[in-house]
Amino acid sequence: MTDSPVIAPSVRAIPFADAEGAEKTLDDLGADVVLVVNVASKCGLTPQYEQLEELQRLYGDRGFSVVGFPCNQFFGQEPGSLDQILEFCSTTYGVTFPINDKVKVNGRNAAELYKALKQTEDGAGKAGRVEWNFEKFLVRPDGSVQRFRPKQKPDDPEIVSAIEAALTR
């Protein structure tokens, strides 16, 4: 994976709405290293919630957090209300990491955070549109970003190594 240069202003300072509608930033979460993921409840990749929660449990006490952003842009695979999404995540996968307000990740109305994150190239040197649900962006304390495409599972050794390296910096 190719790291992006630090994007100014830092993606860590871009506001978004949390599940209660309050304005937050990645810096507000209190985690040094954040894995931002656009999530969906009715997708073939939805079982990745289990691996994301495992990462949260493994590294959460070391300054790491997964941060989920529900998105209904891919064939309507996140159709429910935010309350329904939160209930699904909690009861089906035991999710403890923050799930925020629904966002758009592509197009003119994409969330500002995603507009910035999409500038990051993946391992093949391709930036731009989010391909599908469960695209992952590892954001370090300095604001640098590493991008992992949807089919790369959260427990992939490349992602785990990147998290561990970011936590030891």
Protein backbone atom coordinates (compact mmCIF):
# COMPACT_ATOMS: atom_id res chain seq x y z
CA MET A 1 0.00 0.00 0.00
CA THR A 2 1.15 3.48 -0.79
CA ASP A 3 0.92 6.08 1.95
CA SER A 4 -0.55 9.38 0.99
CA PRO A 5 1.24 12.58 1.79
CA VAL A 6 -0.22 14.40 4.75
CA ILE A 7 -3.33 16.14 3.47
CA ALA A 8 -3.85 19.70 4.69
CA PRO A 9 -5.95 20.30 6.61
CA SER A 10 -5.48 16.97 8.27
CA VAL A 11 -8.27 14.49 7.66
CA ARG A 12 -8.22 14.13 11.43
CA ALA A 13 -9.72 17.64 11.77
CA ILE A 14 -12.58 17.31 9.24
CA PRO A 15 -15.97 17.36 11.00
CA PHE A 16 -18.65 14.68 10.64
CA ALA A 17 -21.86 13.83 12.51
CA ASP A 18 -21.76 11.06 15.09
CA ALA A 19 -24.70 8.74 15.82
CA GLU A 20 -26.32 11.39 18.06
CA GLY A 21 -25.91 14.10 15.42
CA ALA A 22 -23.11 15.90 17.28
CA GLU A 23 -20.22 17.28 15.26
CA LYS A 24 -17.02 15.29 15.79
CA THR A 25 -13.62 14.83 14.20
CA LEU A 26 -11.31 11.83 14.18
CA ASP A 27 -9.14 13.70 16.69
CA ASP A 28 -12.14 13.91 19.04
CA LEU A 29 -12.30 10.13 19.28
CA GLY A 30 -9.19 9.96 21.45
CA ALA A 31 -7.50 7.33 19.28
CA ASP A 32 -4.07 7.86 17.77
CA VAL A 33 -4.72 5.44 14.90
CA VAL A 34 -8.12 5.14 13.24
CA LEU A 35 -9.46 2.70 10.66
CA VAL A 36 -12.29 4.48 8.81
CA VAL A 37 -14.70 2.08 7.09
CA ASN A 38 -17.90 2.65 5.10
CA VAL A 39 -20.20 -0.09 6.35
CA ALA A 40 -23.46 -1.74 5.25
CA SER A 41 -25.73 -4.30 6.90
CA LYS A 42 -27.03 -6.11 3.81
CA CYS A 43 -23.83 -6.67 1.83
CA GLY A 44 -21.89 -9.82 1.05
CA LEU A 45 -18.97 -8.19 2.91
CA THR A 46 -21.04 -7.48 6.06
CA PRO A 47 -19.32 -10.35 7.96
CA GLN A 48 -16.24 -8.08 8.00
CA TYR A 49 -17.91 -6.47 11.03
CA GLU A 50 -16.68 -9.47 13.02
CA GLN A 51 -13.05 -8.91 12.01
CA LEU A 52 -13.35 -5.14 12.53
CA GLU A 53 -14.62 -5.75 16.06
CA GLU A 54 -11.75 -8.15 16.70
CA LEU A 55 -9.27 -5.45 15.65
CA GLN A 56 -11.05 -3.05 18.02
CA ARG A 57 -10.75 -5.53 20.89
CA LEU A 58 -7.11 -6.35 20.12
CA TYR A 59 -5.81 -2.79 19.72
CA GLY A 60 -8.39 -0.51 21.34
CA ASP A 61 -6.41 -0.13 24.56
CA ARG A 62 -3.32 0.86 22.56
CA GLY A 63 -4.79 3.99 20.99
CA PHE A 64 -6.64 2.42 18.04
CA SER A 65 -10.26 2.64 16.95
CA VAL A 66 -12.33 1.39 14.06
CA VAL A 67 -14.82 4.07 12.98
CA GLY A 68 -17.83 3.02 10.93
CA PHE A 69 -19.78 5.20 8.52
CA PRO A 70 -22.98 3.57 7.24
CA CYS A 71 -23.49 4.18 3.53
CA ASN A 72 -26.45 3.29 1.33
CA GLN A 73 -24.84 4.20 -2.01
CA PHE A 74 -24.09 0.68 -3.19
CA PHE A 75 -27.30 -1.02 -4.37
CA GLY A 76 -29.18 0.15 -1.26
CA GLN A 77 -27.35 -2.24 1.04
CA GLU A 78 -27.73 0.01 4.12
CA PRO A 79 -31.42 0.97 3.90
CA GLY A 80 -32.34 1.16 7.58
CA SER A 81 -32.53 4.06 9.96
CA LEU A 82 -29.50 4.82 12.09
CA ASP A 83 -31.25 3.24 15.10
CA GLN A 84 -31.83 0.04 13.10
CA ILE A 85 -28.19 0.02 11.96
CA LEU A 86 -26.90 0.49 15.51
CA GLU A 87 -29.17 -2.30 16.78
CA PHE A 88 -28.03 -4.64 14.00
CA CYS A 89 -24.34 -3.95 14.67
CA SER A 90 -24.73 -4.44 18.40
CA THR A 91 -26.88 -7.57 18.41
CA THR A 92 -25.45 -9.35 15.36
CA TYR A 93 -21.74 -8.58 15.69
CA GLY A 94 -21.30 -7.13 19.20
CA VAL A 95 -19.84 -3.94 17.72
CA THR A 96 -18.32 -1.63 20.32
CA PHE A 97 -16.54 0.80 17.99
CA PRO A 98 -18.25 4.05 16.98
CA ILE A 99 -20.84 3.90 14.22
CA ASN A 100 -21.60 7.41 12.98
CA ASP A 101 -24.36 9.04 10.98
CA LYS A 102 -25.01 7.74 7.46
CA VAL A 103 -22.88 9.35 4.76
CA LYS A 104 -22.38 9.41 1.04
CA VAL A 105 -18.86 8.45 0.06
CA ASN A 106 -18.98 9.23 -3.67
CA GLY A 107 -20.43 11.94 -5.85
CA ARG A 108 -21.13 15.60 -5.40
CA ASN A 109 -22.71 15.12 -1.99
CA ALA A 110 -19.94 12.97 -0.54
CA ALA A 111 -19.04 13.68 3.07
CA GLU A 112 -16.08 16.05 3.40
CA LEU A 113 -14.10 13.39 5.24
CA TYR A 114 -14.51 11.00 2.33
CA LYS A 115 -13.66 13.68 -0.22
CA ALA A 116 -10.30 13.98 1.53
CA LEU A 117 -9.76 10.26 2.13
CA LYS A 118 -10.39 9.39 -1.52
CA GLN A 119 -7.30 11.37 -2.52
CA THR A 120 -5.27 8.48 -1.09
CA GLU A 121 -3.96 5.89 -3.52
CA ASP A 122 -4.38 2.19 -2.87
CA GLY A 123 -1.54 -0.32 -3.24
CA ALA A 124 -1.96 -0.29 -7.02
CA GLY A 125 -1.58 3.50 -7.15
CA LYS A 126 -5.28 4.16 -7.76
CA ALA A 127 -7.05 6.97 -5.91
CA GLY A 128 -10.58 8.23 -6.43
CA ARG A 129 -13.99 6.71 -5.90
CA VAL A 130 -14.76 4.30 -3.10
CA GLU A 131 -15.34 0.99 -4.91
CA TRP A 132 -17.85 -0.65 -2.55
CA ASN A 133 -18.88 -1.14 1.06
CA PHE A 134 -16.11 -1.85 3.56
CA GLU A 135 -13.35 0.19 1.92
CA LYS A 136 -10.80 0.93 4.66
CA PHE A 137 -8.63 3.98 5.34
CA LEU A 138 -5.99 3.76 8.06
CA VAL A 139 -5.40 7.26 9.45
CA ARG A 140 -2.26 7.83 11.51
CA PRO A 141 -1.66 10.51 14.16
CA ASP A 142 0.12 12.74 11.63
CA GLY A 143 -2.86 12.61 9.25
CA SER A 144 -1.21 10.32 6.71
CA VAL A 145 -3.57 7.73 5.23
CA GLN A 146 -3.22 4.22 3.87
CA ARG A 147 -6.03 2.76 1.74
CA PHE A 148 -7.29 -0.81 1.57
CA ARG A 149 -9.98 -1.92 -0.88
CA PRO A 150 -13.23 -3.62 0.21
CA LYS A 151 -12.33 -7.25 -0.49
CA GLN A 152 -9.18 -7.02 1.61
CA LYS A 153 -10.38 -8.39 4.92
CA PRO A 154 -9.69 -6.42 8.11
CA ASP A 155 -7.56 -9.25 9.52
CA ASP A 156 -5.38 -9.41 6.38
CA PRO A 157 -1.71 -9.45 7.50
CA GLU A 158 -1.02 -6.30 5.49
CA ILE A 159 -3.70 -4.35 7.39
CA VAL A 160 -2.69 -5.79 10.77
CA SER A 161 0.98 -4.93 10.09
CA ALA A 162 0.05 -1.39 9.09
CA ILE A 163 -1.97 -0.94 12.30
CA GLU A 164 0.83 -2.32 14.46
CA ALA A 165 3.43 -0.15 12.74
CA ALA A 166 1.28 2.95 13.21
CA LEU A 167 0.75 2.17 16.89
CA THR A 168 4.50 1.85 17.56
CA ARG A 169 5.51 5.11 15.88
